[in-house]
C-alpha atoms as a PDB file:
ATOM      1  CA  MET A   1      -1.524 -11.510 -29.091  1.00  0.00           C
ATOM      2  CA  SER A   2       0.872  -8.640 -28.475  1.00  0.00           C
ATOM      3  CA  ASP A   3       4.558  -9.047 -27.647  1.00  0.00           C
ATOM      4  CA  ILE A   4       4.129  -6.986 -24.450  1.00  0.00           C
ATOM      5  CA  LEU A   5       2.035  -7.435 -21.316  1.00  0.00           C
ATOM      6  CA  HIS A   6       1.539  -4.330 -19.184  1.00  0.00           C
ATOM      7  CA  ILE A   7       0.784  -4.861 -15.489  1.00  0.00           C
ATOM      8  CA  LEU A   8      -0.879  -1.693 -14.211  1.00  0.00           C
ATOM      9  CA  ASN A   9      -1.278  -0.382 -10.681  1.00  0.00           C
ATOM     10  CA  GLY A  10      -4.968   0.409 -11.087  1.00  0.00           C
ATOM     11  CA  ASP A  11      -7.910   0.846 -13.413  1.00  0.00           C
ATOM     12  CA  SER A  12      -7.375   4.609 -13.642  1.00  0.00           C
ATOM     13  CA  THR A  13      -3.955   3.972 -15.203  1.00  0.00           C
ATOM     14  CA  ARG A  14      -5.590   1.603 -17.655  1.00  0.00           C
ATOM     15  CA  GLN A  15      -8.008   4.329 -18.739  1.00  0.00           C
ATOM     16  CA  ILE A  16      -5.092   6.678 -19.424  1.00  0.00           C
ATOM     17  CA  ILE A  17      -2.843   4.200 -21.213  1.00  0.00           C
ATOM     18  CA  GLU A  18      -5.750   3.266 -23.508  1.00  0.00           C
ATOM     19  CA  GLN A  19      -5.659   6.871 -24.728  1.00  0.00           C
ATOM     20  CA  THR A  20      -2.071   6.422 -25.963  1.00  0.00           C
ATOM     21  CA  ASP A  21      -0.444   4.623 -28.874  1.00  0.00           C
ATOM     22  CA  ILE A  22       1.446   2.280 -26.548  1.00  0.00           C
ATOM     23  CA  SER A  23       0.813  -1.256 -27.757  1.00  0.00           C
ATOM     24  CA  GLY A  24       0.381  -4.347 -25.638  1.00  0.00           C
ATOM     25  CA  ASP A  25      -2.091  -6.346 -23.594  1.00  0.00           C
ATOM     26  CA  LEU A  26      -3.233  -4.862 -20.289  1.00  0.00           C
ATOM     27  CA  CYS A  27      -3.595  -6.410 -16.850  1.00  0.00           C
ATOM     28  CA  VAL A  28      -4.567  -4.580 -13.639  1.00  0.00           C
ATOM     29  CA  TRP A  29      -3.330  -5.574 -10.177  1.00  0.00           C
ATOM     30  CA  ARG A  30      -6.383  -5.131  -7.929  1.00  0.00           C
ATOM     31  CA  ASP A  31      -5.261  -6.273  -4.494  1.00  0.00           C
ATOM     32  CA  VAL A  32      -4.239  -4.050  -1.558  1.00  0.00           C
ATOM     33  CA  LEU A  33      -1.268  -5.861  -0.028  1.00  0.00           C
ATOM     34  CA  SER A  34      -0.366  -2.839   2.085  1.00  0.00           C
ATOM     35  CA  ASP A  35      -3.386  -3.756   4.251  1.00  0.00           C
ATOM     36  CA  GLY A  36      -4.274  -7.015   5.941  1.00  0.00           C
ATOM     37  CA  PRO A  37      -2.423 -10.322   6.237  1.00  0.00           C
ATOM     38  CA  THR A  38      -0.160 -11.500   3.445  1.00  0.00           C
ATOM     39  CA  VAL A  39       1.334 -14.844   2.420  1.00  0.00           C
ATOM     40  CA  MET A  40       4.853 -15.294   1.082  1.00  0.00           C
ATOM     41  CA  ASP A  41       3.770 -17.627  -1.722  1.00  0.00           C
ATOM     42  CA  VAL A  42       2.131 -15.025  -3.965  1.00  0.00           C
ATOM     43  CA  GLY A  43      -0.475 -16.526  -6.267  1.00  0.00           C
ATOM     44  CA  SER A  44      -0.888 -19.727  -4.249  1.00  0.00           C
ATOM     45  CA  THR A  45      -4.213 -21.066  -3.004  1.00  0.00           C
ATOM     46  CA  ALA A  46      -3.284 -19.993   0.532  1.00  0.00           C
ATOM     47  CA  PHE A  47      -2.448 -16.512  -0.736  1.00  0.00           C
ATOM     48  CA  TRP A  48      -5.788 -15.984  -2.473  1.00  0.00           C
ATOM     49  CA  ASP A  49      -7.782 -17.592   0.338  1.00  0.00           C
ATOM     50  CA  THR A  50      -6.122 -15.266   2.854  1.00  0.00           C
ATOM     51  CA  ARG A  51      -6.612 -12.176   0.737  1.00  0.00           C
ATOM     52  CA  ALA A  52     -10.214 -12.975  -0.204  1.00  0.00           C
ATOM     53  CA  ALA A  53     -11.147 -13.502   3.437  1.00  0.00           C
ATOM     54  CA  TYR A  54      -9.527 -10.212   4.433  1.00  0.00           C
ATOM     55  CA  MET A  55     -10.941  -8.123   1.588  1.00  0.00           C
ATOM     56  CA  SER A  56     -14.478  -9.417   2.082  1.00  0.00           C
ATOM     57  CA  ASN A  57     -14.314  -8.583   5.787  1.00  0.00           C
ATOM     58  CA  ALA A  58     -12.540  -5.225   5.541  1.00  0.00           C
ATOM     59  CA  PHE A  59     -14.122  -3.650   2.490  1.00  0.00           C
ATOM     60  CA  GLU A  60     -17.542  -5.284   2.192  1.00  0.00           C
ATOM     61  CA  VAL A  61     -16.733  -6.900  -1.123  1.00  0.00           C
ATOM     62  CA  SER A  62     -17.816 -10.515  -1.521  1.00  0.00           C
ATOM     63  CA  GLU A  63     -15.119 -13.160  -1.806  1.00  0.00           C
ATOM     64  CA  GLN A  64     -16.520 -14.108  -5.214  1.00  0.00           C
ATOM     65  CA  GLU A  65     -16.324 -10.523  -6.466  1.00  0.00           C
ATOM     66  CA  PHE A  66     -12.762 -10.156  -5.194  1.00  0.00           C
ATOM     67  CA  ARG A  67     -11.692 -13.382  -6.866  1.00  0.00           C
ATOM     68  CA  GLU A  68     -13.316 -12.325 -10.138  1.00  0.00           C
ATOM     69  CA  LYS A  69     -11.695  -8.891 -10.109  1.00  0.00           C
ATOM     70  CA  ALA A  70      -8.292  -9.720  -8.613  1.00  0.00           C
ATOM     71  CA  GLN A  71      -7.509 -13.426  -8.753  1.00  0.00           C
ATOM     72  CA  MET A  72      -8.838 -13.978 -12.267  1.00  0.00           C
ATOM     73  CA  GLU A  73      -6.996 -10.875 -13.478  1.00  0.00           C
ATOM     74  CA  PHE A  74      -3.825 -12.381 -12.024  1.00  0.00           C
ATOM     75  CA  GLU A  75      -4.295 -15.339 -14.366  1.00  0.00           C
ATOM     76  CA  LYS A  76      -3.227 -13.018 -17.190  1.00  0.00           C
ATOM     77  CA  ILE A  77       0.115 -12.577 -15.435  1.00  0.00           C
ATOM     78  CA  THR A  78       0.636 -16.330 -15.162  1.00  0.00           C
ATOM     79  CA  ALA A  79       0.639 -16.440 -18.988  1.00  0.00           C
ATOM     80  CA  PHE A  80       3.662 -14.107 -19.112  1.00  0.00           C
ATOM     81  CA  ALA A  81       5.760 -16.665 -21.032  1.00  0.00           C
ATOM     82  CA  ASP A  82       3.644 -15.890 -24.106  1.00  0.00           C
ATOM     83  CA  TYR A  83       5.175 -12.408 -24.207  1.00  0.00           C
ATOM     84  CA  LYS A  84       8.614 -11.050 -25.035  1.00  0.00           C
ATOM     85  CA  GLU A  85       8.348  -8.438 -22.291  1.00  0.00           C
ATOM     86  CA  VAL A  86       6.278  -7.672 -19.204  1.00  0.00           C
ATOM     87  CA  VAL A  87       6.149  -4.017 -18.124  1.00  0.00           C
ATOM     88  CA  LEU A  88       5.164  -3.053 -14.575  1.00  0.00           C
ATOM     89  CA  TRP A  89       3.623   0.412 -14.079  1.00  0.00           C
ATOM     90  CA  PHE A  90       3.700   1.551 -10.442  1.00  0.00           C
ATOM     91  CA  GLU A  91       4.162   4.590  -8.189  1.00  0.00           C
ATOM     92  CA  TYR A  92       6.201   5.873  -5.248  1.00  0.00           C
ATOM     93  CA  ASP A  93       3.698   5.312  -2.427  1.00  0.00           C
ATOM     94  CA  LEU A  94       3.315   2.486   0.099  1.00  0.00           C
ATOM     95  CA  PHE A  95       0.199   1.120  -1.619  1.00  0.00           C
ATOM     96  CA  CYS A  96       2.080   0.669  -4.901  1.00  0.00           C
ATOM     97  CA  GLN A  97       5.486  -0.256  -3.523  1.00  0.00           C
ATOM     98  CA  ILE A  98       4.230  -3.354  -1.678  1.00  0.00           C
ATOM     99  CA  ASN A  99       2.137  -4.545  -4.623  1.00  0.00           C
ATOM    100  CA  MET A 100       5.103  -3.967  -6.939  1.00  0.00           C
ATOM    101  CA  LEU A 101       7.516  -5.904  -4.721  1.00  0.00           C
ATOM    102  CA  ALA A 102       5.085  -8.804  -4.389  1.00  0.00           C
ATOM    103  CA  ILE A 103       4.795  -9.119  -8.166  1.00  0.00           C
ATOM    104  CA  LEU A 104       8.571  -8.915  -8.639  1.00  0.00           C
ATOM    105  CA  HIS A 105       8.957 -11.550  -5.920  1.00  0.00           C
ATOM    106  CA  TRP A 106       6.485 -13.762  -7.799  1.00  0.00           C
ATOM    107  CA  PHE A 107       8.490 -13.350 -11.009  1.00  0.00           C
ATOM    108  CA  ASN A 108      11.621 -14.239  -9.063  1.00  0.00           C
ATOM    109  CA  GLN A 109      10.104 -17.653  -8.391  1.00  0.00           C
ATOM    110  CA  GLN A 110       9.311 -18.297 -12.063  1.00  0.00           C
ATOM    111  CA  GLU A 111      11.344 -19.655 -14.950  1.00  0.00           C
ATOM    112  CA  ARG A 112      11.275 -16.497 -17.030  1.00  0.00           C
ATOM    113  CA  GLY A 113      13.138 -17.836 -20.046  1.00  0.00           C
ATOM    114  CA  ASP A 114      13.554 -15.129 -22.694  1.00  0.00           C
ATOM    115  CA  THR A 115      10.772 -12.926 -21.296  1.00  0.00           C
ATOM    116  CA  LYS A 116      12.087  -9.601 -20.031  1.00  0.00           C
ATOM    117  CA  VAL A 117      10.504  -7.870 -17.045  1.00  0.00           C
ATOM    118  CA  SER A 118      10.800  -4.087 -16.875  1.00  0.00           C
ATOM    119  CA  LEU A 119       9.635  -1.423 -14.438  1.00  0.00           C
ATOM    120  CA  ILE A 120       8.213   2.073 -14.677  1.00  0.00           C
ATOM    121  CA  CYS A 121       7.917   3.682 -11.243  1.00  0.00           C
ATOM    122  CA  VAL A 122       6.916   7.332 -11.131  1.00  0.00           C
ATOM    123  CA  GLY A 123       7.285   9.869  -8.345  1.00  0.00           C
ATOM    124  CA  ARG A 124       9.734  12.690  -8.921  1.00  0.00           C
ATOM    125  CA  GLU A 125       8.931  13.867 -12.415  1.00  0.00           C
ATOM    126  CA  GLU A 126      10.385  16.779 -14.344  1.00  0.00           C
ATOM    127  CA  GLY A 127       8.135  19.830 -14.256  1.00  0.00           C
ATOM    128  CA  TYR A 128       6.406  18.872 -11.001  1.00  0.00           C
ATOM    129  CA  GLU A 129       7.345  20.247  -7.595  1.00  0.00           C
ATOM    130  CA  LYS A 130       5.740  17.408  -5.636  1.00  0.00           C
ATOM    131  CA  LEU A 131       5.678  13.660  -6.005  1.00  0.00           C
ATOM    132  CA  VAL A 132       3.130  12.613  -8.606  1.00  0.00           C
ATOM    133  CA  GLY A 133       1.331   9.407  -9.474  1.00  0.00           C
ATOM    134  CA  LEU A 134       0.436   7.942 -12.846  1.00  0.00           C
ATOM    135  CA  GLY A 135      -3.080   9.347 -12.626  1.00  0.00           C
ATOM    136  CA  GLU A 136      -1.681  12.867 -12.365  1.00  0.00           C
ATOM    137  CA  LEU A 137       0.305  12.613 -15.590  1.00  0.00           C
ATOM    138  CA  PRO A 138      -1.237  13.331 -19.014  1.00  0.00           C
ATOM    139  CA  PRO A 139      -1.501  10.578 -21.653  1.00  0.00           C
ATOM    140  CA  GLU A 140       1.040  12.314 -23.875  1.00  0.00           C
ATOM    141  CA  GLN A 141       3.695  11.784 -21.191  1.00  0.00           C
ATOM    142  CA  TYR A 142       3.200   8.007 -21.086  1.00  0.00           C
ATOM    143  CA  PRO A 143       5.321   7.217 -24.179  1.00  0.00           C
ATOM    144  CA  HIS A 144       8.235   8.982 -22.482  1.00  0.00           C
ATOM    145  CA  LEU A 145       7.689   6.919 -19.336  1.00  0.00           C
ATOM    146  CA  PHE A 146       7.579   3.783 -21.471  1.00  0.00           C
ATOM    147  CA  SER A 147      10.822   4.674 -23.242  1.00  0.00           C
ATOM    148  CA  ARG A 148      12.709   5.055 -19.958  1.00  0.00           C
ATOM    149  CA  ARG A 149      11.530   1.756 -18.424  1.00  0.00           C
ATOM    150  CA  ARG A 150      14.251  -0.179 -16.606  1.00  0.00           C
ATOM    151  CA  ILE A 151      14.886  -3.859 -17.306  1.00  0.00           C
ATOM    152  CA  MET A 152      14.907  -5.878 -14.094  1.00  0.00           C
ATOM    153  CA  GLY A 153      18.001  -7.941 -13.363  1.00  0.00           C
ATOM    154  CA  THR A 154      18.794 -10.806 -11.015  1.00  0.00           C
ATOM    155  CA  ALA A 155      19.740  -8.456  -8.160  1.00  0.00           C
ATOM    156  CA  ASP A 156      16.429  -6.587  -8.509  1.00  0.00           C
ATOM    157  CA  PHE A 157      14.370  -9.759  -8.236  1.00  0.00           C
ATOM    158  CA  SER A 158      16.389 -10.987  -5.243  1.00  0.00           C
ATOM    159  CA  PHE A 159      16.001  -7.614  -3.515  1.00  0.00           C
ATOM    160  CA  ALA A 160      12.231  -7.681  -4.058  1.00  0.00           C
ATOM    161  CA  THR A 161      12.039 -11.163  -2.565  1.00  0.00           C
ATOM    162  CA  ASP A 162      14.065 -10.079   0.476  1.00  0.00           C
ATOM    163  CA  VAL A 163      11.828  -7.085   1.144  1.00  0.00           C
ATOM    164  CA  TYR A 164       8.595  -8.987   0.565  1.00  0.00           C
ATOM    165  CA  GLU A 165       9.806 -11.743   2.879  1.00  0.00           C
ATOM    166  CA  ALA A 166      10.424  -9.080   5.538  1.00  0.00           C
ATOM    167  CA  TRP A 167       6.944  -7.688   4.853  1.00  0.00           C
ATOM    168  CA  CYS A 168       5.447 -11.113   5.551  1.00  0.00           C
ATOM    169  CA  SER A 169       7.486 -11.550   8.746  1.00  0.00           C
ATOM    170  CA  PRO A 170       5.810 -11.306  12.175  1.00  0.00           C
ATOM    171  CA  ASP A 171       8.678  -9.009  13.170  1.00  0.00           C
ATOM    172  CA  PRO A 172       8.345  -5.641  11.375  1.00  0.00           C
ATOM    173  CA  THR A 173      11.836  -4.568  12.432  1.00  0.00           C
ATOM    174  CA  ASP A 174      13.065  -6.838   9.628  1.00  0.00           C
ATOM    175  CA  LEU A 175      11.979  -4.006   7.314  1.00  0.00           C
ATOM    176  CA  GLU A 176      14.089  -1.347   9.017  1.00  0.00           C
ATOM    177  CA  THR A 177      17.167  -2.442   7.073  1.00  0.00           C
ATOM    178  CA  TYR A 178      15.523  -1.187   3.890  1.00  0.00           C
ATOM    179  CA  THR A 179      14.990   2.281   5.325  1.00  0.00           C
ATOM    180  CA  LEU A 180      18.533   2.580   6.684  1.00  0.00           C
ATOM    181  CA  LEU A 181      20.137   1.406   3.436  1.00  0.00           C
ATOM    182  CA  PRO A 182      18.052   2.999   0.678  1.00  0.00           C
ATOM    183  CA  SER A 183      18.170   1.366  -2.752  1.00  0.00           C
ATOM    184  CA  ASN A 184      19.207   3.351  -5.832  1.00  0.00           C
ATOM    185  CA  GLU A 185      17.131   0.959  -7.935  1.00  0.00           C
ATOM    186  CA  PHE A 186      14.041   1.408  -5.722  1.00  0.00           C
ATOM    187  CA  PRO A 187      14.414   5.025  -4.589  1.00  0.00           C
ATOM    188  CA  TYR A 188      10.918   5.423  -3.131  1.00  0.00           C
ATOM    189  CA  LEU A 189      10.906   2.348  -0.916  1.00  0.00           C
ATOM    190  CA  SER A 190      12.560   3.855   2.158  1.00  0.00           C
ATOM    191  CA  ALA A 191      10.025   6.669   2.571  1.00  0.00           C
ATOM    192  CA  ALA A 192       7.131   4.288   1.892  1.00  0.00           C
ATOM    193  CA  LEU A 193       8.295   1.907   4.624  1.00  0.00           C
ATOM    194  CA  GLN A 194       8.789   4.757   7.063  1.00  0.00           C
ATOM    195  CA  SER A 195       5.168   5.732   6.517  1.00  0.00           C
ATOM    196  CA  HIS A 196       4.246   2.091   7.170  1.00  0.00           C
ATOM    197  CA  PHE A 197       5.966   2.168  10.571  1.00  0.00           C
ATOM    198  CA  ARG A 198       3.827   5.160  11.541  1.00  0.00           C
ATOM    199  CA  ARG A 199       0.741   2.973  11.086  1.00  0.00           C
ATOM    200  CA  PHE A 200       1.645   1.265  14.350  1.00  0.00           C
ATOM    201  CA  PRO A 201       0.271   2.926  17.510  1.00  0.00           C
ATOM    202  CA  SER A 202       2.523   5.547  19.014  1.00  0.00           C
ATOM    203  CA  ALA A 203       4.182   4.610  22.296  1.00  0.00           C
ATOM    204  CA  GLN A 204       3.465   8.167  23.421  1.00  0.00           C
ATOM    205  CA  THR A 205      -0.196   8.614  22.388  1.00  0.00           C
ATOM    206  CA  GLY A 206      -1.493   5.146  21.546  1.00  0.00           C
ATOM    207  CA  LEU A 207      -2.625   6.485  18.157  1.00  0.00           C
ATOM    208  CA  THR A 208      -1.260   5.824  14.689  1.00  0.00           C
ATOM    209  CA  GLU A 209      -0.252   8.781  12.536  1.00  0.00           C
ATOM    210  CA  ILE A 210      -3.485   8.575  10.528  1.00  0.00           C
ATOM    211  CA  GLU A 211      -5.603   8.281  13.686  1.00  0.00           C
ATOM    212  CA  GLN A 212      -3.840  11.287  15.172  1.00  0.00           C
ATOM    213  CA  LYS A 213      -4.580  13.259  12.007  1.00  0.00           C
ATOM    214  CA  ILE A 214      -8.269  12.310  12.278  1.00  0.00           C
ATOM    215  CA  VAL A 215      -8.366  13.472  15.905  1.00  0.00           C
ATOM    216  CA  ASN A 216      -6.706  16.742  14.911  1.00  0.00           C
ATOM    217  CA  LEU A 217      -9.259  17.281  12.143  1.00  0.00           C
ATOM    218  CA  ILE A 218     -12.181  16.638  14.481  1.00  0.00           C
ATOM    219  CA  THR A 219     -10.870  18.996  17.152  1.00  0.00           C
ATOM    220  CA  SER A 220     -10.368  21.654  14.464  1.00  0.00           C
ATOM    221  CA  GLY A 221     -14.049  21.432  13.490  1.00  0.00           C
ATOM    222  CA  VAL A 222     -14.044  18.942  10.604  1.00  0.00           C
ATOM    223  CA  GLN A 223     -16.810  16.650  11.873  1.00  0.00           C
ATOM    224  CA  LYS A 224     -18.391  14.896   8.887  1.00  0.00           C
ATOM    225  CA  GLU A 225     -17.060  11.543   7.727  1.00  0.00           C
ATOM    226  CA  ARG A 226     -16.647  12.459   4.069  1.00  0.00           C
ATOM    227  CA  GLN A 227     -15.005  15.754   4.915  1.00  0.00           C
ATOM    228  CA  ILE A 228     -12.553  13.974   7.203  1.00  0.00           C
ATOM    229  CA  VAL A 229     -11.698  11.403   4.539  1.00  0.00           C
ATOM    230  CA  GLY A 230     -11.421  14.120   1.888  1.00  0.00           C
ATOM    231  CA  ASN A 231      -8.891  15.921   4.076  1.00  0.00           C
ATOM    232  CA  LEU A 232      -6.942  12.691   4.572  1.00  0.00           C
ATOM    233  CA  LEU A 233      -6.785  12.051   0.831  1.00  0.00           C
ATOM    234  CA  ARG A 234      -5.287  15.513   0.294  1.00  0.00           C
ATOM    235  CA  TRP A 235      -2.995  15.282   3.346  1.00  0.00           C
ATOM    236  CA  GLN A 236      -1.327  11.937   2.666  1.00  0.00           C
ATOM    237  CA  GLU A 237       2.024  11.908   0.932  1.00  0.00           C
ATOM    238  CA  HIS A 238       3.528   8.424   0.985  1.00  0.00           C
ATOM    239  CA  TYR A 239       0.499   6.222   1.766  1.00  0.00           C
ATOM    240  CA  GLY A 240      -1.283   6.269  -1.592  1.00  0.00           C
ATOM    241  CA  PHE A 241      -4.533   5.118   0.032  1.00  0.00           C
ATOM    242  CA  GLY A 242      -8.037   5.322  -1.358  1.00  0.00           C
ATOM    243  CA  ASP A 243     -11.090   6.519   0.524  1.00  0.00           C
ATOM    244  CA  LEU A 244     -12.123   3.019   1.632  1.00  0.00           C
ATOM    245  CA  GLN A 245      -8.854   2.556   3.511  1.00  0.00           C
ATOM    246  CA  PHE A 246      -9.330   5.822   5.362  1.00  0.00           C
ATOM    247  CA  PHE A 247     -12.956   4.997   6.180  1.00  0.00           C
ATOM    248  CA  GLN A 248     -11.629   1.750   7.671  1.00  0.00           C
ATOM    249  CA  VAL A 249      -9.288   3.697   9.982  1.00  0.00           C
ATOM    250  CA  LEU A 250     -12.138   6.011  10.956  1.00  0.00           C
ATOM    251  CA  ASP A 251     -14.294   2.995  11.831  1.00  0.00           C
ATOM    252  CA  ARG A 252     -11.507   1.688  14.043  1.00  0.00           C
ATOM    253  CA  LEU A 253     -11.799   4.868  16.116  1.00  0.00           C
ATOM    254  CA  ASP A 254     -15.516   4.284  16.776  1.00  0.00           C
ATOM    255  CA  PRO A 255     -15.036   3.468  20.509  1.00  0.00           C
ATOM    256  CA  LEU A 256     -13.612   6.971  21.008  1.00  0.00           C
ATOM    257  CA  LEU A 257     -16.182   8.905  18.983  1.00  0.00           C
ATOM    258  CA  THR A 258     -19.780  10.047  19.098  1.00  0.00           C
ATOM    259  CA  LYS A 259     -21.812  10.403  15.902  1.00  0.00           C
ATOM    260  CA  THR A 260     -24.995  12.424  16.324  1.00  0.00           C
ATOM    261  CA  PRO A 261     -24.574  12.772  13.296  1.00  0.00           C
ATOM    262  CA  GLN A 262     -21.668  15.167  13.664  1.00  0.00           C
ATOM    263  CA  ILE A 263     -18.520  13.358  14.780  1.00  0.00           C
ATOM    264  CA  ASP A 264     -16.954  14.397  18.061  1.00  0.00           C
ATOM    265  CA  LEU A 265     -14.608  12.942  20.653  1.00  0.00           C
ATOM    266  CA  LYS A 266     -16.096  11.226  23.690  1.00  0.00           C
ATOM    267  CA  PRO A 267     -15.490  13.096  26.963  1.00  0.00           C
ATOM    268  CA  GLY A 268     -13.337  10.272  28.363  1.00  0.00           C
ATOM    269  CA  PHE A 269     -11.124  10.369  25.296  1.00  0.00           C
ATOM    270  CA  LYS A 270     -10.791  14.136  25.602  1.00  0.00           C
ATOM    271  CA  ASP A 271      -9.609  13.627  29.182  1.00  0.00           C
ATOM    272  CA  LEU A 272      -6.937  11.175  28.010  1.00  0.00           C
ATOM    273  CA  LEU A 273      -5.700  13.664  25.452  1.00  0.00           C
ATOM    274  CA  ALA A 274      -5.674  16.482  27.991  1.00  0.00           C
ATOM    275  CA  ASN A 275      -3.644  14.377  30.415  1.00  0.00           C
ATOM    276  CA  ASN A 276      -1.257  13.063  27.732  1.00  0.00           C
ATOM    277  CA  THR A 277      -2.310   9.500  28.570  1.00  0.00           C
ATOM    278  CA  PRO A 278      -1.836   6.896  25.792  1.00  0.00           C
ATOM    279  CA  VAL A 279      -5.045   5.470  24.349  1.00  0.00           C
ATOM    280  CA  ARG A 280      -5.346   1.716  24.925  1.00  0.00           C
ATOM    281  CA  SER A 281      -8.974   1.044  23.991  1.00  0.00           C
ATOM    282  CA  ILE A 282      -8.596   0.691  20.211  1.00  0.00           C
ATOM    283  CA  ASP A 283      -8.790  -2.854  18.878  1.00  0.00           C
ATOM    284  CA  ARG A 284      -5.373  -3.725  17.444  1.00  0.00           C
ATOM    285  CA  ASP A 285      -6.228  -7.298  16.558  1.00  0.00           C
ATOM    286  CA  TYR A 286      -5.390  -6.900  12.887  1.00  0.00           C
ATOM    287  CA  PHE A 287      -2.472  -7.559  10.578  1.00  0.00           C
ATOM    288  CA  LEU A 288      -0.285  -5.445   8.353  1.00  0.00           C
ATOM    289  CA  GLY A 289       1.625  -7.934   6.232  1.00  0.00           C
ATOM    290  CA  GLY A 290       2.804 -10.699   8.518  1.00  0.00           C
ATOM    291  CA  THR A 291       2.730  -8.552  11.642  1.00  0.00           C
ATOM    292  CA  GLN A 292      -0.018  -8.394  14.232  1.00  0.00           C
ATOM    293  CA  VAL A 293      -0.290  -4.723  15.095  1.00  0.00           C
ATOM    294  CA  ALA A 294      -1.104  -5.413  18.767  1.00  0.00           C
ATOM    295  CA  ASP A 295       2.431  -6.767  19.242  1.00  0.00           C
ATOM    296  CA  TRP A 296       4.226  -3.554  18.244  1.00  0.00           C
ATOM    297  CA  GLN A 297       4.297   0.182  18.739  1.00  0.00           C
ATOM    298  CA  TRP A 298       6.087   3.106  17.133  1.00  0.00           C
ATOM    299  CA  ASP A 299       8.253   5.212  19.420  1.00  0.00           C
ATOM    300  CA  THR A 300       7.813   8.675  17.922  1.00  0.00           C
ATOM    301  CA  GLN A 301      10.641  10.080  20.028  1.00  0.00           C
ATOM    302  CA  LYS A 302      13.240   7.466  19.055  1.00  0.00           C
ATOM    303  CA  ASN A 303      11.813   6.828  15.571  1.00  0.00           C
ATOM    304  CA  GLU A 304      11.923   3.087  16.031  1.00  0.00           C
ATOM    305  CA  LEU A 305       9.632   0.106  16.484  1.00  0.00           C
ATOM    306  CA  ALA A 306       9.370  -1.543  19.882  1.00  0.00           C
ATOM    307  CA  SER A 307       7.383  -4.345  21.452  1.00  0.00           C
ATOM    308  CA  GLY A 308       3.820  -3.314  22.202  1.00  0.00           C
ATOM    309  CA  ARG A 309       3.219  -6.044  24.751  1.00  0.00           C
ATOM    310  CA  ASP A 310       3.588  -5.323  28.452  1.00  0.00           C
END
């Protein structure tokens, strides 16, 4: 057994790191905690039951397959005491930031003994004009990333627990503190959380930011599902979502769309848009973290969350 356990943000990162001379055992985090309901007690029976039920419903993966790919992989993390160091490899976007915080929160609840926990979180990298993820960096750059990893201290673990607790809260305004007081140790968190707030329906239009982008694409003539999702993948900056997450948002807009097979807006929806009337017919009975989306809306004029109930 190696002295180091690497916890990776995805299988693509695993494929790259296997091309390097970096030693250590590899583990991949395969859950999507930025979507669906979450439980504060990461790794508990309630946590995995909640996540398996959500993933099987949202992404058409069986509960058994999810448990085999995600829960059983997590078992490697529970053996962390066998290692001298655990290294987390994550990125700047919402997808990665929430997963990263959940894992750090879990470590905060453990007796870590002499095992060090360190973090590599990429985003603003020398030689790149835009934010980049691990999959956009060549294998030869990974040893440099590894050499600059930051050892997590008590304050880091406590901060992660505080943020993850806010993520699991039914009141999403608990998260606003972490956008107003950005962390030097977690420099990408503020922007990631701000993108999260824009996933709540706008008080002005009734649409989330992603839904509004889909509507804009359709009205501009992009009317095939895969083309729409391809545009969303290139458009996103701080979400870090995969195609399945964007297909899920597109499915949520079904009541407003016609598919014959080209996608278009229903006449009634076009009338709402023309009259600047907020859309109220989209099912918001779903959770992001601990928050039911139907209870909240995003005021795009004030840049703040507000109650979505009349």
